Amino acid sequence: MTNLAEQGMKFTPYEYDKVMYCFDELRLGRVDVIITDLLVAYEYIARSEIFEIVWQGGDEEFGVCMRKGNDALTTAINKAIDELFEDGSMLRISKEIFSGMDLVSAVRR
């Protein structure tokens, strides 16, 4: 958010213990906008018709964490992920979970 302030945007930042609290504040009209992870935003949009995403900035990256040096597991996971994209499973799963939204295609540009 510091870069937004540096660009001249004026706002009062608030932090919440749980992400659901900021969406409650938005729903109740106590705040005008929230900034959160895109995946989180899609989750809340899928459950409510009153929210909308009006800006997406930057590239979000997600990863699978594992112990360093486990090359066999890394290769197996990468192969499985590639196969899920190739056969369309990854897109199908995204649309099933996130109310028809494609959250995965941009990952494999």
Protein backbone atom coordinates (compact mmCIF):
# COMPACT_ATOMS: atom_id res chain seq x y z
CA MET A 1 0.00 0.00 0.00
CA THR A 2 2.94 2.29 0.43
CA ASN A 3 3.33 2.51 -3.34
CA LEU A 4 -0.30 3.68 -3.61
CA ALA A 5 0.38 6.49 -1.13
CA GLU A 6 3.54 7.40 -3.03
CA GLN A 7 1.40 7.73 -6.18
CA GLY A 8 -0.72 10.35 -4.41
CA MET A 9 -3.67 8.28 -3.27
CA LYS A 10 -5.09 9.43 0.03
CA PHE A 11 -6.53 6.79 2.34
CA THR A 12 -6.61 5.60 5.91
CA PRO A 13 -5.39 2.01 6.16
CA TYR A 14 -6.97 -0.41 8.62
CA GLU A 15 -5.76 -3.87 9.51
CA TYR A 16 -8.05 -6.70 10.58
CA ASP A 17 -7.31 -9.86 12.53
CA LYS A 18 -9.39 -11.94 10.12
CA VAL A 19 -10.08 -11.26 6.46
CA MET A 20 -13.81 -11.81 6.97
CA TYR A 21 -13.89 -8.70 9.17
CA CYS A 22 -12.83 -6.38 6.36
CA PHE A 23 -15.53 -7.82 4.09
CA ASP A 24 -18.05 -7.25 6.90
CA GLU A 25 -16.89 -3.64 7.15
CA LEU A 26 -17.30 -3.22 3.39
CA ARG A 27 -20.76 -4.80 3.46
CA LEU A 28 -21.81 -2.49 6.30
CA GLY A 29 -20.49 0.60 4.49
CA ARG A 30 -17.84 1.41 7.11
CA VAL A 31 -15.08 1.28 4.48
CA ASP A 32 -15.21 2.04 0.77
CA VAL A 33 -12.67 -0.44 -0.52
CA ILE A 34 -10.50 -3.32 0.61
CA ILE A 35 -7.29 -4.71 -0.79
CA THR A 36 -6.76 -8.42 -0.38
CA ASP A 37 -5.29 -11.43 -2.14
CA LEU A 38 -7.06 -12.13 -5.40
CA LEU A 39 -7.91 -15.68 -4.41
CA VAL A 40 -9.54 -14.43 -1.22
CA ALA A 41 -11.46 -11.80 -3.18
CA TYR A 42 -12.82 -14.42 -5.59
CA GLU A 43 -13.92 -16.57 -2.67
CA TYR A 44 -15.98 -13.75 -1.18
CA ILE A 45 -17.38 -12.69 -4.53
CA ALA A 46 -18.54 -16.24 -5.19
CA ARG A 47 -20.54 -16.13 -1.93
CA SER A 48 -22.04 -12.66 -2.28
CA GLU A 49 -23.63 -10.59 -5.01
CA ILE A 50 -22.78 -7.24 -3.40
CA PHE A 51 -19.00 -7.27 -3.92
CA GLU A 52 -17.07 -6.73 -7.13
CA ILE A 53 -13.40 -6.66 -8.07
CA VAL A 54 -12.62 -3.30 -9.63
CA TRP A 55 -8.84 -3.57 -9.90
CA GLN A 56 -6.28 -6.32 -10.14
CA GLY A 57 -2.67 -5.37 -9.80
CA GLY A 58 0.52 -7.28 -10.10
CA ASP A 59 1.04 -10.97 -10.52
CA GLU A 60 0.18 -13.23 -7.65
CA GLU A 61 2.20 -16.37 -7.31
CA PHE A 62 1.25 -19.46 -5.40
CA GLY A 63 3.54 -22.33 -4.66
CA VAL A 64 3.90 -25.79 -3.30
CA CYS A 65 6.35 -25.92 -0.41
CA MET A 66 8.57 -28.88 0.23
CA ARG A 67 11.93 -29.72 1.69
CA LYS A 68 14.90 -28.55 -0.40
CA GLY A 69 16.75 -31.20 -2.36
CA ASN A 70 13.78 -33.47 -2.95
CA ASP A 71 14.20 -33.37 -6.73
CA ALA A 72 12.16 -36.53 -7.35
CA LEU A 73 9.14 -35.05 -5.57
CA THR A 74 9.59 -31.70 -7.36
CA THR A 75 9.63 -33.48 -10.73
CA ALA A 76 6.56 -35.56 -9.84
CA ILE A 77 4.58 -32.53 -8.65
CA ASN A 78 5.50 -30.46 -11.72
CA LYS A 79 4.49 -33.36 -13.98
CA ALA A 80 1.14 -33.76 -12.20
CA ILE A 81 0.42 -30.03 -12.43
CA ASP A 82 1.33 -29.99 -16.14
CA GLU A 83 -1.04 -32.91 -16.76
CA LEU A 84 -3.88 -31.15 -14.90
CA PHE A 85 -3.46 -28.12 -17.15
CA GLU A 86 -3.09 -30.17 -20.35
CA ASP A 87 -6.25 -32.23 -19.88
CA GLY A 88 -8.34 -29.25 -18.73
CA SER A 89 -8.81 -30.52 -15.18
CA MET A 90 -7.27 -27.44 -13.61
CA LEU A 91 -9.72 -25.11 -15.39
CA ARG A 92 -12.68 -27.37 -14.61
CA ILE A 93 -11.76 -27.49 -10.91
CA SER A 94 -11.33 -23.71 -10.77
CA LYS A 95 -14.75 -23.14 -12.31
CA GLU A 96 -16.41 -25.66 -10.00
CA ILE A 97 -14.93 -24.19 -6.84
CA PHE A 98 -15.10 -20.50 -7.74
CA SER A 99 -18.56 -20.19 -9.31
CA GLY A 100 -17.46 -20.41 -12.94
CA MET A 101 -14.39 -18.19 -12.59
CA ASP A 102 -11.13 -19.04 -14.33
CA LEU A 103 -8.36 -18.44 -11.80
CA VAL A 104 -5.79 -20.67 -13.44
CA SER A 105 -5.36 -19.94 -17.15
CA ALA A 106 -3.29 -16.80 -16.58
CA VAL A 107 -0.78 -18.91 -14.64
CA ARG A 108 0.19 -20.79 -17.82
CA ARG A 109 0.65 -17.94 -20.31
